[in-house]
């Protein structure tokens, strides 16, 4: 499995660290950004009806990455059990819209949130 910095950022950004009860906030060190961290201006997609047996953060990343770079993607847990839904956020709103339009007629169901993680 190829693991890139971009994939690590998308999968682990905003992940909850249970042992210290906080969220991991990753930063991108882009030498061309002149000190400005890239932020997401896209809506959050809540993806439902994911297979609880086979879906992983990696498969979620691979499903959405073809539509654009991801700011964050993570499965959602309740009582330490994956409940079949996830939150996905792109850097650009256009990419989120492309993904939702392309996948809306598949097995996935989307709810779009306007707030940030």
PDB file of N, CA and C in Angstrom:
ATOM      1  N   UNK A   1       0.844  -1.165   0.000  1.00  0.00           N
ATOM      2  CA  UNK A   1       0.000   0.000   0.000  1.00  0.00           C
ATOM      3  C   UNK A   1       0.897   1.238   0.000  1.00  0.00           C
ATOM      4  N   UNK A   2       0.664   2.141  -0.942  1.00  0.00           N
ATOM      5  CA  UNK A   2       1.419   3.379  -1.003  1.00  0.00           C
ATOM      6  C   UNK A   2       0.829   4.374  -0.023  1.00  0.00           C
ATOM      7  N   UNK A   3       1.680   4.956   0.782  1.00  0.00           N
ATOM      8  CA  UNK A   3       1.232   5.928   1.773  1.00  0.00           C
ATOM      9  C   UNK A   3       1.978   7.222   1.554  1.00  0.00           C
ATOM     10  N   UNK A   4       1.276   8.254   1.127  1.00  0.00           N
ATOM     11  CA  UNK A   4       1.891   9.543   0.850  1.00  0.00           C
ATOM     12  C   UNK A   4       1.571  10.521   1.971  1.00  0.00           C
ATOM     13  N   UNK A   5       2.283  11.643   1.984  1.00  0.00           N
ATOM     14  CA  UNK A   5       2.006  12.686   2.971  1.00  0.00           C
ATOM     15  C   UNK A   5       0.590  13.213   2.798  1.00  0.00           C
ATOM     16  N   UNK A   6       0.159  13.342   1.547  1.00  0.00           N
ATOM     17  CA  UNK A   6      -1.201  13.827   1.301  1.00  0.00           C
ATOM     18  C   UNK A   6      -2.243  12.869   1.873  1.00  0.00           C
ATOM     19  N   UNK A   7      -2.033  11.574   1.688  1.00  0.00           N
ATOM     20  CA  UNK A   7      -2.971  10.579   2.214  1.00  0.00           C
ATOM     21  C   UNK A   7      -2.968  10.606   3.745  1.00  0.00           C
ATOM     22  N   UNK A   8      -1.798  10.699   4.337  1.00  0.00           N
ATOM     23  CA  UNK A   8      -1.704  10.766   5.799  1.00  0.00           C
ATOM     24  C   UNK A   8      -2.425  11.992   6.328  1.00  0.00           C
ATOM     25  N   UNK A   9      -2.259  13.130   5.649  1.00  0.00           N
ATOM     26  CA  UNK A   9      -2.931  14.355   6.072  1.00  0.00           C
ATOM     27  C   UNK A   9      -4.443  14.162   6.044  1.00  0.00           C
ATOM     28  N   UNK A  10      -4.969  13.643   4.941  1.00  0.00           N
ATOM     29  CA  UNK A  10      -6.417  13.481   4.788  1.00  0.00           C
ATOM     30  C   UNK A  10      -6.991  12.494   5.789  1.00  0.00           C
ATOM     31  N   UNK A  11      -6.283  11.419   6.045  1.00  0.00           N
ATOM     32  CA  UNK A  11      -6.812  10.368   6.909  1.00  0.00           C
ATOM     33  C   UNK A  11      -6.664  10.715   8.392  1.00  0.00           C
ATOM     34  N   UNK A  12      -5.577  11.348   8.767  1.00  0.00           N
ATOM     35  CA  UNK A  12      -5.323  11.591  10.187  1.00  0.00           C
ATOM     36  C   UNK A  12      -5.644  12.999  10.663  1.00  0.00           C
ATOM     37  N   UNK A  13      -5.844  13.947   9.765  1.00  0.00           N
ATOM     38  CA  UNK A  13      -6.201  15.301  10.172  1.00  0.00           C
ATOM     39  C   UNK A  13      -7.551  15.276  10.888  1.00  0.00           C
ATOM     40  N   UNK A  14      -7.622  15.939  12.007  1.00  0.00           N
ATOM     41  CA  UNK A  14      -8.829  16.022  12.837  1.00  0.00           C
ATOM     42  C   UNK A  14      -9.239  14.688  13.449  1.00  0.00           C
ATOM     43  N   UNK A  15      -8.317  13.745  13.551  1.00  0.00           N
ATOM     44  CA  UNK A  15      -8.610  12.471  14.199  1.00  0.00           C
ATOM     45  C   UNK A  15      -8.596  12.649  15.705  1.00  0.00           C
ATOM     46  N   UNK A  16      -9.487  11.954  16.358  1.00  0.00           N
ATOM     47  CA  UNK A  16      -9.553  12.035  17.819  1.00  0.00           C
ATOM     48  C   UNK A  16      -8.505  11.124  18.436  1.00  0.00           C
ATOM     49  N   UNK A  17      -7.711  11.679  19.331  1.00  0.00           N
ATOM     50  CA  UNK A  17      -6.722  10.906  20.080  1.00  0.00           C
ATOM     51  C   UNK A  17      -7.351  10.556  21.427  1.00  0.00           C
ATOM     52  N   UNK A  18      -7.853   9.345  21.524  1.00  0.00           N
ATOM     53  CA  UNK A  18      -8.619   8.919  22.694  1.00  0.00           C
ATOM     54  C   UNK A  18      -7.844   9.040  23.997  1.00  0.00           C
ATOM     55  N   UNK A  19      -6.571   8.680  23.953  1.00  0.00           N
ATOM     56  CA  UNK A  19      -5.817   8.618  25.199  1.00  0.00           C
ATOM     57  C   UNK A  19      -5.549   9.983  25.816  1.00  0.00           C
ATOM     58  N   UNK A  20      -5.639  11.065  25.042  1.00  0.00           N
ATOM     59  CA  UNK A  20      -5.475  12.399  25.625  1.00  0.00           C
ATOM     60  C   UNK A  20      -6.689  13.287  25.385  1.00  0.00           C
ATOM     61  N   UNK A  21      -7.774  12.712  24.871  1.00  0.00           N
ATOM     62  CA  UNK A  21      -9.056  13.396  24.695  1.00  0.00           C
ATOM     63  C   UNK A  21      -8.940  14.709  23.918  1.00  0.00           C
ATOM     64  N   UNK A  22      -8.260  14.650  22.795  1.00  0.00           N
ATOM     65  CA  UNK A  22      -8.121  15.830  21.937  1.00  0.00           C
ATOM     66  C   UNK A  22      -8.092  15.385  20.479  1.00  0.00           C
ATOM     67  N   UNK A  23      -8.139  16.349  19.577  1.00  0.00           N
ATOM     68  CA  UNK A  23      -8.107  16.052  18.153  1.00  0.00           C
ATOM     69  C   UNK A  23      -6.761  16.444  17.565  1.00  0.00           C
ATOM     70  N   UNK A  24      -6.291  15.644  16.631  1.00  0.00           N
ATOM     71  CA  UNK A  24      -5.028  15.878  15.949  1.00  0.00           C
ATOM     72  C   UNK A  24      -5.248  16.907  14.846  1.00  0.00           C
ATOM     73  N   UNK A  25      -4.517  17.996  14.890  1.00  0.00           N
ATOM     74  CA  UNK A  25      -4.607  19.037  13.868  1.00  0.00           C
ATOM     75  C   UNK A  25      -3.276  19.082  13.136  1.00  0.00           C
ATOM     76  N   UNK A  26      -3.282  18.598  11.895  1.00  0.00           N
ATOM     77  CA  UNK A  26      -2.066  18.568  11.101  1.00  0.00           C
ATOM     78  C   UNK A  26      -1.925  19.850  10.290  1.00  0.00           C
ATOM     79  N   UNK A  27      -0.692  20.223  10.027  1.00  0.00           N
ATOM     80  CA  UNK A  27      -0.400  21.421   9.240  1.00  0.00           C
ATOM     81  C   UNK A  27       0.414  21.031   8.015  1.00  0.00           C
ATOM     82  N   UNK A  28       0.226  21.794   6.957  1.00  0.00           N
ATOM     83  CA  UNK A  28       0.985  21.585   5.729  1.00  0.00           C
ATOM     84  C   UNK A  28       2.052  22.660   5.658  1.00  0.00           C
ATOM     85  N   UNK A  29       3.295  22.257   5.520  1.00  0.00           N
ATOM     86  CA  UNK A  29       4.395  23.207   5.431  1.00  0.00           C
ATOM     87  C   UNK A  29       4.743  23.419   3.958  1.00  0.00           C
ATOM     88  N   UNK A  30       4.020  24.317   3.312  1.00  0.00           N
ATOM     89  CA  UNK A  30       4.232  24.616   1.895  1.00  0.00           C
ATOM     90  C   UNK A  30       5.143  25.829   1.783  1.00  0.00           C
ATOM     91  N   UNK A  31       6.355  25.665   1.264  1.00  0.00           N
ATOM     92  CA  UNK A  31       7.284  26.799   1.183  1.00  0.00           C
ATOM     93  C   UNK A  31       6.782  27.918   0.266  1.00  0.00           C
ATOM     94  N   UNK A  32       5.837  27.617  -0.605  1.00  0.00           N
ATOM     95  CA  UNK A  32       5.297  28.638  -1.502  1.00  0.00           C
ATOM     96  C   UNK A  32       4.080  29.356  -0.934  1.00  0.00           C
ATOM     97  N   UNK A  33       3.624  28.945   0.240  1.00  0.00           N
ATOM     98  CA  UNK A  33       2.408  29.528   0.819  1.00  0.00           C
ATOM     99  C   UNK A  33       2.695  30.784   1.638  1.00  0.00           C
ATOM    100  N   UNK A  34       3.951  31.132   1.816  1.00  0.00           N
ATOM    101  CA  UNK A  34       4.342  32.338   2.554  1.00  0.00           C
ATOM    102  C   UNK A  34       3.748  32.364   3.963  1.00  0.00           C
ATOM    103  N   UNK A  35       3.789  31.219   4.630  1.00  0.00           N
ATOM    104  CA  UNK A  35       3.341  31.144   6.010  1.00  0.00           C
ATOM    105  C   UNK A  35       1.853  30.924   6.194  1.00  0.00           C
ATOM    106  N   UNK A  36       1.075  30.900   5.128  1.00  0.00           N
ATOM    107  CA  UNK A  36      -0.368  30.695   5.243  1.00  0.00           C
ATOM    108  C   UNK A  36      -0.700  29.215   5.076  1.00  0.00           C
ATOM    109  N   UNK A  37      -1.386  28.675   6.053  1.00  0.00           N
ATOM    110  CA  UNK A  37      -1.813  27.276   5.977  1.00  0.00           C
ATOM    111  C   UNK A  37      -3.001  27.168   5.037  1.00  0.00           C
ATOM    112  N   UNK A  38      -2.995  26.194   4.129  1.00  0.00           N
ATOM    113  CA  UNK A  38      -4.173  25.999   3.284  1.00  0.00           C
ATOM    114  C   UNK A  38      -5.336  25.497   4.134  1.00  0.00           C
ATOM    115  N   UNK A  39      -6.481  26.094   3.948  1.00  0.00           N
ATOM    116  CA  UNK A  39      -7.672  25.705   4.690  1.00  0.00           C
ATOM    117  C   UNK A  39      -8.742  25.249   3.710  1.00  0.00           C
ATOM    118  N   UNK A  40      -9.687  24.524   4.217  1.00  0.00           N
ATOM    119  CA  UNK A  40     -10.790  24.061   3.392  1.00  0.00           C
ATOM    120  C   UNK A  40     -11.876  25.125   3.360  1.00  0.00           C
ATOM    121  N   UNK A  41     -12.418  25.358   2.182  1.00  0.00           N
ATOM    122  CA  UNK A  41     -13.587  26.224   2.070  1.00  0.00           C
ATOM    123  C   UNK A  41     -14.778  25.420   1.568  1.00  0.00           C
ATOM    124  N   UNK A  42     -14.680  24.101   1.677  1.00  0.00           N
ATOM    125  CA  UNK A  42     -15.717  23.216   1.163  1.00  0.00           C
ATOM    126  C   UNK A  42     -16.633  22.739   2.280  1.00  0.00           C
ATOM    127  N   UNK A  43     -17.841  22.407   1.883  1.00  0.00           N
ATOM    128  CA  UNK A  43     -18.783  21.809   2.814  1.00  0.00           C
ATOM    129  C   UNK A  43     -18.300  20.423   3.213  1.00  0.00           C
ATOM    130  N   UNK A  44     -18.789  19.969   4.361  1.00  0.00           N
ATOM    131  CA  UNK A  44     -18.480  18.625   4.827  1.00  0.00           C
ATOM    132  C   UNK A  44     -19.538  17.684   4.279  1.00  0.00           C
ATOM    133  N   UNK A  45     -19.096  16.595   3.695  1.00  0.00           N
ATOM    134  CA  UNK A  45     -20.016  15.569   3.219  1.00  0.00           C
ATOM    135  C   UNK A  45     -20.128  14.485   4.281  1.00  0.00           C
ATOM    136  N   UNK A  46     -21.345  14.195   4.694  1.00  0.00           N
ATOM    137  CA  UNK A  46     -21.555  13.042   5.559  1.00  0.00           C
ATOM    138  C   UNK A  46     -21.993  11.909   4.639  1.00  0.00           C
ATOM    139  N   UNK A  47     -21.224  10.855   4.624  1.00  0.00           N
ATOM    140  CA  UNK A  47     -21.469   9.729   3.734  1.00  0.00           C
ATOM    141  C   UNK A  47     -22.068   8.604   4.569  1.00  0.00           C
ATOM    142  N   UNK A  48     -23.252   8.153   4.166  1.00  0.00           N
ATOM    143  CA  UNK A  48     -23.940   7.103   4.919  1.00  0.00           C
ATOM    144  C   UNK A  48     -24.011   5.823   4.105  1.00  0.00           C
ATOM    145  N   UNK A  49     -24.469   4.792   4.748  1.00  0.00           N
ATOM    146  CA  UNK A  49     -24.663   3.472   4.158  1.00  0.00           C
ATOM    147  C   UNK A  49     -23.342   2.828   3.745  1.00  0.00           C
ATOM    148  N   UNK A  50     -22.281   3.099   4.499  1.00  0.00           N
ATOM    149  CA  UNK A  50     -20.996   2.448   4.249  1.00  0.00           C
ATOM    150  C   UNK A  50     -21.006   1.070   4.901  1.00  0.00           C
ATOM    151  N   UNK A  51     -20.365   0.131   4.267  1.00  0.00           N
ATOM    152  CA  UNK A  51     -20.296  -1.229   4.776  1.00  0.00           C
ATOM    153  C   UNK A  51     -19.436  -1.261   6.040  1.00  0.00           C
ATOM    154  N   UNK A  52     -20.035  -1.641   7.148  1.00  0.00           N
ATOM    155  CA  UNK A  52     -19.301  -1.631   8.418  1.00  0.00           C
ATOM    156  C   UNK A  52     -18.248  -2.727   8.490  1.00  0.00           C
ATOM    157  N   UNK A  53     -18.350  -3.731   7.641  1.00  0.00           N
ATOM    158  CA  UNK A  53     -17.392  -4.830   7.649  1.00  0.00           C
ATOM    159  C   UNK A  53     -16.133  -4.523   6.843  1.00  0.00           C
ATOM    160  N   UNK A  54     -16.285  -3.772   5.752  1.00  0.00           N
ATOM    161  CA  UNK A  54     -15.164  -3.616   4.820  1.00  0.00           C
ATOM    162  C   UNK A  54     -14.635  -2.194   4.665  1.00  0.00           C
ATOM    163  N   UNK A  55     -15.360  -1.187   5.108  1.00  0.00           N
ATOM    164  CA  UNK A  55     -14.920   0.193   4.906  1.00  0.00           C
ATOM    165  C   UNK A  55     -13.823   0.564   5.898  1.00  0.00           C
ATOM    166  N   UNK A  56     -12.761   1.169   5.375  1.00  0.00           N
ATOM    167  CA  UNK A  56     -11.667   1.672   6.206  1.00  0.00           C
ATOM    168  C   UNK A  56     -11.417   3.123   5.820  1.00  0.00           C
ATOM    169  N   UNK A  57     -10.624   3.822   6.605  1.00  0.00           N
ATOM    170  CA  UNK A  57     -10.248   5.189   6.227  1.00  0.00           C
ATOM    171  C   UNK A  57      -9.511   5.194   4.890  1.00  0.00           C
ATOM    172  N   UNK A  58      -8.740   4.153   4.635  1.00  0.00           N
ATOM    173  CA  UNK A  58      -7.996   4.066   3.377  1.00  0.00           C
ATOM    174  C   UNK A  58      -8.939   3.878   2.191  1.00  0.00           C
ATOM    175  N   UNK A  59      -9.932   3.006   2.330  1.00  0.00           N
ATOM    176  CA  UNK A  59     -10.878   2.810   1.228  1.00  0.00           C
ATOM    177  C   UNK A  59     -11.724   4.057   1.019  1.00  0.00           C
ATOM    178  N   UNK A  60     -12.046   4.751   2.088  1.00  0.00           N
ATOM    179  CA  UNK A  60     -12.787   6.006   1.981  1.00  0.00           C
ATOM    180  C   UNK A  60     -11.957   7.043   1.228  1.00  0.00           C
ATOM    181  N   UNK A  61     -10.687   7.149   1.579  1.00  0.00           N
ATOM    182  CA  UNK A  61      -9.782   8.059   0.878  1.00  0.00           C
ATOM    183  C   UNK A  61      -9.717   7.707  -0.602  1.00  0.00           C
ATOM    184  N   UNK A  62      -9.543   6.427  -0.912  1.00  0.00           N
ATOM    185  CA  UNK A  62      -9.431   5.996  -2.308  1.00  0.00           C
ATOM    186  C   UNK A  62     -10.716   6.240  -3.093  1.00  0.00           C
ATOM    187  N   UNK A  63     -11.855   6.197  -2.430  1.00  0.00           N
ATOM    188  CA  UNK A  63     -13.127   6.459  -3.094  1.00  0.00           C
ATOM    189  C   UNK A  63     -13.269   7.937  -3.469  1.00  0.00           C
ATOM    190  N   UNK A  64     -12.837   8.840  -2.586  1.00  0.00           N
ATOM    191  CA  UNK A  64     -13.064  10.270  -2.798  1.00  0.00           C
ATOM    192  C   UNK A  64     -11.896  11.017  -3.419  1.00  0.00           C
ATOM    193  N   UNK A  65     -10.690  10.520  -3.291  1.00  0.00           N
ATOM    194  CA  UNK A  65      -9.524  11.254  -3.780  1.00  0.00           C
ATOM    195  C   UNK A  65      -9.548  11.547  -5.273  1.00  0.00           C
ATOM    196  N   UNK A  66     -10.116  10.718  -6.148  1.00  0.00           N
ATOM    197  CA  UNK A  66     -10.135  11.047  -7.571  1.00  0.00           C
ATOM    198  C   UNK A  66     -10.857  12.364  -7.897  1.00  0.00           C
ATOM    199  N   UNK A  67     -11.657  12.886  -6.968  1.00  0.00           N
ATOM    200  CA  UNK A  67     -12.403  14.115  -7.227  1.00  0.00           C
ATOM    201  C   UNK A  67     -11.659  15.366  -6.764  1.00  0.00           C
ATOM    202  N   UNK A  68     -10.552  15.187  -6.067  1.00  0.00           N
ATOM    203  CA  UNK A  68      -9.736  16.324  -5.639  1.00  0.00           C
ATOM    204  C   UNK A  68      -9.047  16.039  -4.318  1.00  0.00           C
ATOM    205  N   UNK A  69      -8.069  16.881  -3.952  1.00  0.00           N
ATOM    206  CA  UNK A  69      -7.358  16.704  -2.676  1.00  0.00           C
ATOM    207  C   UNK A  69      -8.312  16.835  -1.483  1.00  0.00           C
ATOM    208  N   UNK A  70      -8.104  15.974  -0.507  1.00  0.00           N
ATOM    209  CA  UNK A  70      -8.972  15.939   0.668  1.00  0.00           C
ATOM    210  C   UNK A  70      -8.343  16.660   1.848  1.00  0.00           C
ATOM    211  N   UNK A  71      -9.153  17.447   2.534  1.00  0.00           N
ATOM    212  CA  UNK A  71      -8.723  18.103   3.768  1.00  0.00           C
ATOM    213  C   UNK A  71      -8.812  17.109   4.926  1.00  0.00           C
ATOM    214  N   UNK A  72      -9.859  16.296   4.905  1.00  0.00           N
ATOM    215  CA  UNK A  72     -10.034  15.309   5.961  1.00  0.00           C
ATOM    216  C   UNK A  72     -11.039  14.254   5.516  1.00  0.00           C
ATOM    217  N   UNK A  73     -10.802  13.031   5.907  1.00  0.00           N
ATOM    218  CA  UNK A  73     -11.789  11.969   5.709  1.00  0.00           C
ATOM    219  C   UNK A  73     -11.634  10.983   6.855  1.00  0.00           C
ATOM    220  N   UNK A  74     -12.744  10.702   7.498  1.00  0.00           N
ATOM    221  CA  UNK A  74     -12.639   9.757   8.611  1.00  0.00           C
ATOM    222  C   UNK A  74     -13.971   9.083   8.887  1.00  0.00           C
ATOM    223  N   UNK A  75     -13.867   7.853   9.294  1.00  0.00           N
ATOM    224  CA  UNK A  75     -15.032   7.084   9.705  1.00  0.00           C
ATOM    225  C   UNK A  75     -15.511   7.612  11.047  1.00  0.00           C
ATOM    226  N   UNK A  76     -16.781   7.479  11.306  1.00  0.00           N
ATOM    227  CA  UNK A  76     -17.351   7.942  12.570  1.00  0.00           C
ATOM    228  C   UNK A  76     -17.701   6.739  13.445  1.00  0.00           C
ATOM    229  N   UNK A  77     -17.333   6.859  14.707  1.00  0.00           N
ATOM    230  CA  UNK A  77     -17.538   5.771  15.664  1.00  0.00           C
ATOM    231  C   UNK A  77     -18.463   6.217  16.780  1.00  0.00           C
ATOM    232  N   UNK A  78     -19.215   5.257  17.292  1.00  0.00           N
ATOM    233  CA  UNK A  78     -20.037   5.485  18.465  1.00  0.00           C
ATOM    234  C   UNK A  78     -19.808   4.299  19.390  1.00  0.00           C
ATOM    235  N   UNK A  79     -19.441   4.575  20.604  1.00  0.00           N
ATOM    236  CA  UNK A  79     -19.109   3.505  21.559  1.00  0.00           C
ATOM    237  C   UNK A  79     -18.035   2.575  20.994  1.00  0.00           C
ATOM    238  N   UNK A  80     -17.037   3.172  20.333  1.00  0.00           N
ATOM    239  CA  UNK A  80     -15.899   2.460  19.747  1.00  0.00           C
ATOM    240  C   UNK A  80     -16.280   1.476  18.639  1.00  0.00           C
ATOM    241  N   UNK A  81     -17.441   1.658  18.027  1.00  0.00           N
ATOM    242  CA  UNK A  81     -17.860   0.808  16.915  1.00  0.00           C
ATOM    243  C   UNK A  81     -18.192   1.695  15.718  1.00  0.00           C
ATOM    244  N   UNK A  82     -17.703   1.301  14.555  1.00  0.00           N
ATOM    245  CA  UNK A  82     -18.011   2.006  13.322  1.00  0.00           C
ATOM    246  C   UNK A  82     -19.483   1.785  12.996  1.00  0.00           C
ATOM    247  N   UNK A  83     -20.207   2.875  12.753  1.00  0.00           N
ATOM    248  CA  UNK A  83     -21.657   2.810  12.556  1.00  0.00           C
ATOM    249  C   UNK A  83     -22.108   3.001  11.109  1.00  0.00           C
ATOM    250  N   UNK A  84     -21.174   2.948  10.155  1.00  0.00           N
ATOM    251  CA  UNK A  84     -21.570   2.978   8.756  1.00  0.00           C
ATOM    252  C   UNK A  84     -21.649   4.346   8.120  1.00  0.00           C
ATOM    253  N   UNK A  85     -21.085   5.358   8.773  1.00  0.00           N
ATOM    254  CA  UNK A  85     -21.049   6.669   8.132  1.00  0.00           C
ATOM    255  C   UNK A  85     -19.704   7.332   8.379  1.00  0.00           C
ATOM    256  N   UNK A  86     -19.428   8.332   7.545  1.00  0.00           N
ATOM    257  CA  UNK A  86     -18.128   9.012   7.609  1.00  0.00           C
ATOM    258  C   UNK A  86     -18.305  10.479   7.252  1.00  0.00           C
ATOM    259  N   UNK A  87     -17.309  11.282   7.609  1.00  0.00           N
ATOM    260  CA  UNK A  87     -17.260  12.685   7.225  1.00  0.00           C
ATOM    261  C   UNK A  87     -16.082  12.883   6.284  1.00  0.00           C
ATOM    262  N   UNK A  88     -16.342  13.578   5.185  1.00  0.00           N
ATOM    263  CA  UNK A  88     -15.320  13.833   4.168  1.00  0.00           C
ATOM    264  C   UNK A  88     -15.344  15.320   3.852  1.00  0.00           C
ATOM    265  N   UNK A  89     -14.154  15.927   3.809  1.00  0.00           N
ATOM    266  CA  UNK A  89     -14.074  17.341   3.451  1.00  0.00           C
ATOM    267  C   UNK A  89     -12.929  17.555   2.472  1.00  0.00           C
ATOM    268  N   UNK A  90     -13.256  18.191   1.362  1.00  0.00           N
ATOM    269  CA  UNK A  90     -12.273  18.560   0.355  1.00  0.00           C
ATOM    270  C   UNK A  90     -11.724  19.946   0.681  1.00  0.00           C
ATOM    271  N   UNK A  91     -10.643  20.316   0.033  1.00  0.00           N
ATOM    272  CA  UNK A  91     -10.146  21.677   0.151  1.00  0.00           C
ATOM    273  C   UNK A  91     -11.046  22.643  -0.621  1.00  0.00           C
ATOM    274  N   UNK A  92     -11.540  22.209  -1.770  1.00  0.00           N
ATOM    275  CA  UNK A  92     -12.340  23.088  -2.634  1.00  0.00           C
ATOM    276  C   UNK A  92     -13.783  22.618  -2.715  1.00  0.00           C
ATOM    277  N   UNK A  93     -14.700  23.563  -2.667  1.00  0.00           N
ATOM    278  CA  UNK A  93     -16.116  23.266  -2.765  1.00  0.00           C
ATOM    279  C   UNK A  93     -16.458  22.574  -4.086  1.00  0.00           C
ATOM    280  N   UNK A  94     -15.811  22.990  -5.170  1.00  0.00           N
ATOM    281  CA  UNK A  94     -16.097  22.393  -6.482  1.00  0.00           C
ATOM    282  C   UNK A  94     -15.808  20.890  -6.471  1.00  0.00           C
ATOM    283  N   UNK A  95     -14.745  20.497  -5.786  1.00  0.00           N
ATOM    284  CA  UNK A  95     -14.394  19.081  -5.712  1.00  0.00           C
ATOM    285  C   UNK A  95     -15.445  18.301  -4.908  1.00  0.00           C
ATOM    286  N   UNK A  96     -15.937  18.898  -3.826  1.00  0.00           N
ATOM    287  CA  UNK A  96     -16.983  18.252  -3.028  1.00  0.00           C
ATOM    288  C   UNK A  96     -18.244  18.060  -3.861  1.00  0.00           C
ATOM    289  N   UNK A  97     -18.585  19.060  -4.646  1.00  0.00           N
ATOM    290  CA  UNK A  97     -19.773  18.966  -5.493  1.00  0.00           C
ATOM    291  C   UNK A  97     -19.604  17.907  -6.576  1.00  0.00           C
ATOM    292  N   UNK A  98     -18.402  17.828  -7.164  1.00  0.00           N
ATOM    293  CA  UNK A  98     -18.129  16.793  -8.178  1.00  0.00           C
ATOM    294  C   UNK A  98     -18.290  15.401  -7.575  1.00  0.00           C
ATOM    295  N   UNK A  99     -17.738  15.196  -6.390  1.00  0.00           N
ATOM    296  CA  UNK A  99     -17.818  13.885  -5.744  1.00  0.00           C
ATOM    297  C   UNK A  99     -19.261  13.526  -5.414  1.00  0.00           C
ATOM    298  N   UNK A 100     -19.988  14.468  -4.847  1.00  0.00           N
ATOM    299  CA  UNK A 100     -21.376  14.195  -4.482  1.00  0.00           C
ATOM    300  C   UNK A 100     -22.212  13.891  -5.718  1.00  0.00           C
ATOM    301  N   UNK A 101     -22.014  14.633  -6.784  1.00  0.00           N
ATOM    302  CA  UNK A 101     -22.771  14.389  -8.019  1.00  0.00           C
ATOM    303  C   UNK A 101     -22.415  13.042  -8.632  1.00  0.00           C
ATOM    304  N   UNK A 102     -21.155  12.688  -8.610  1.00  0.00           N
ATOM    305  CA  UNK A 102     -20.719  11.434  -9.220  1.00  0.00           C
ATOM    306  C   UNK A 102     -21.179  10.216  -8.420  1.00  0.00           C
ATOM    307  N   UNK A 103     -21.243  10.354  -7.109  1.00  0.00           N
ATOM    308  CA  UNK A 103     -21.528   9.198  -6.264  1.00  0.00           C
ATOM    309  C   UNK A 103     -22.966   9.141  -5.755  1.00  0.00           C
ATOM    310  N   UNK A 104     -23.759  10.156  -6.034  1.00  0.00           N
ATOM    311  CA  UNK A 104     -25.117  10.222  -5.480  1.00  0.00           C
ATOM    312  C   UNK A 104     -26.005   9.074  -5.969  1.00  0.00           C
ATOM    313  N   UNK A 105     -25.791   8.570  -7.136  1.00  0.00           N
ATOM    314  CA  UNK A 105     -26.615   7.477  -7.659  1.00  0.00           C
ATOM    315  C   UNK A 105     -25.994   6.109  -7.421  1.00  0.00           C
ATOM    316  N   UNK A 106     -25.043   6.033  -6.519  1.00  0.00           N
ATOM    317  CA  UNK A 106     -24.426   4.763  -6.157  1.00  0.00           C
ATOM    318  C   UNK A 106     -25.063   4.273  -4.863  1.00  0.00           C
ATOM    319  N   UNK A 107     -24.373   3.460  -4.139  1.00  0.00           N
ATOM    320  CA  UNK A 107     -24.900   2.945  -2.878  1.00  0.00           C
ATOM    321  C   UNK A 107     -24.795   3.945  -1.731  1.00  0.00           C
ATOM    322  N   UNK A 108     -24.208   5.103  -1.984  1.00  0.00           N
ATOM    323  CA  UNK A 108     -23.925   6.040  -0.904  1.00  0.00           C
ATOM    324  C   UNK A 108     -25.000   7.110  -0.809  1.00  0.00           C
ATOM    325  N   UNK A 109     -25.215   7.578   0.384  1.00  0.00           N
ATOM    326  CA  UNK A 109     -26.181   8.624   0.651  1.00  0.00           C
ATOM    327  C   UNK A 109     -25.441   9.780   1.295  1.00  0.00           C
ATOM    328  N   UNK A 110     -25.696  10.999   0.834  1.00  0.00           N
ATOM    329  CA  UNK A 110     -24.953  12.156   1.325  1.00  0.00           C
ATOM    330  C   UNK A 110     -25.840  13.144   2.062  1.00  0.00           C
ATOM    331  N   UNK A 111     -25.299  13.688   3.108  1.00  0.00           N
ATOM    332  CA  UNK A 111     -25.855  14.868   3.760  1.00  0.00           C
ATOM    333  C   UNK A 111     -24.728  15.884   3.735  1.00  0.00           C
ATOM    334  N   UNK A 112     -25.025  17.100   3.340  1.00  0.00           N
ATOM    335  CA  UNK A 112     -23.987  18.118   3.219  1.00  0.00           C
ATOM    336  C   UNK A 112     -24.121  19.121   4.358  1.00  0.00           C
ATOM    337  N   UNK A 113     -23.035  19.305   5.092  1.00  0.00           N
ATOM    338  CA  UNK A 113     -22.972  20.270   6.184  1.00  0.00           C
ATOM    339  C   UNK A 113     -22.192  21.499   5.713  1.00  0.00           C
ATOM    340  N   UNK A 114     -22.533  22.644   6.243  1.00  0.00           N
ATOM    341  CA  UNK A 114     -21.855  23.856   5.820  1.00  0.00           C
ATOM    342  C   UNK A 114     -20.767  24.284   6.803  1.00  0.00           C
ATOM    343  N   UNK A 115     -20.641  23.640   7.929  1.00  0.00           N
ATOM    344  CA  UNK A 115     -19.650  24.057   8.923  1.00  0.00           C
ATOM    345  C   UNK A 115     -18.339  23.299   8.752  1.00  0.00           C
ATOM    346  N   UNK A 116     -17.320  23.804   9.405  1.00  0.00           N
ATOM    347  CA  UNK A 116     -15.998  23.182   9.380  1.00  0.00           C
ATOM    348  C   UNK A 116     -15.921  22.132  10.483  1.00  0.00           C
ATOM    349  N   UNK A 117     -14.893  21.249  10.384  1.00  0.00           N
ATOM    350  CA  UNK A 117     -14.634  20.293  11.466  1.00  0.00           C
ATOM    351  C   UNK A 117     -14.313  21.059  12.708  1.00  0.00           C
TER     352      UNK A 117
END
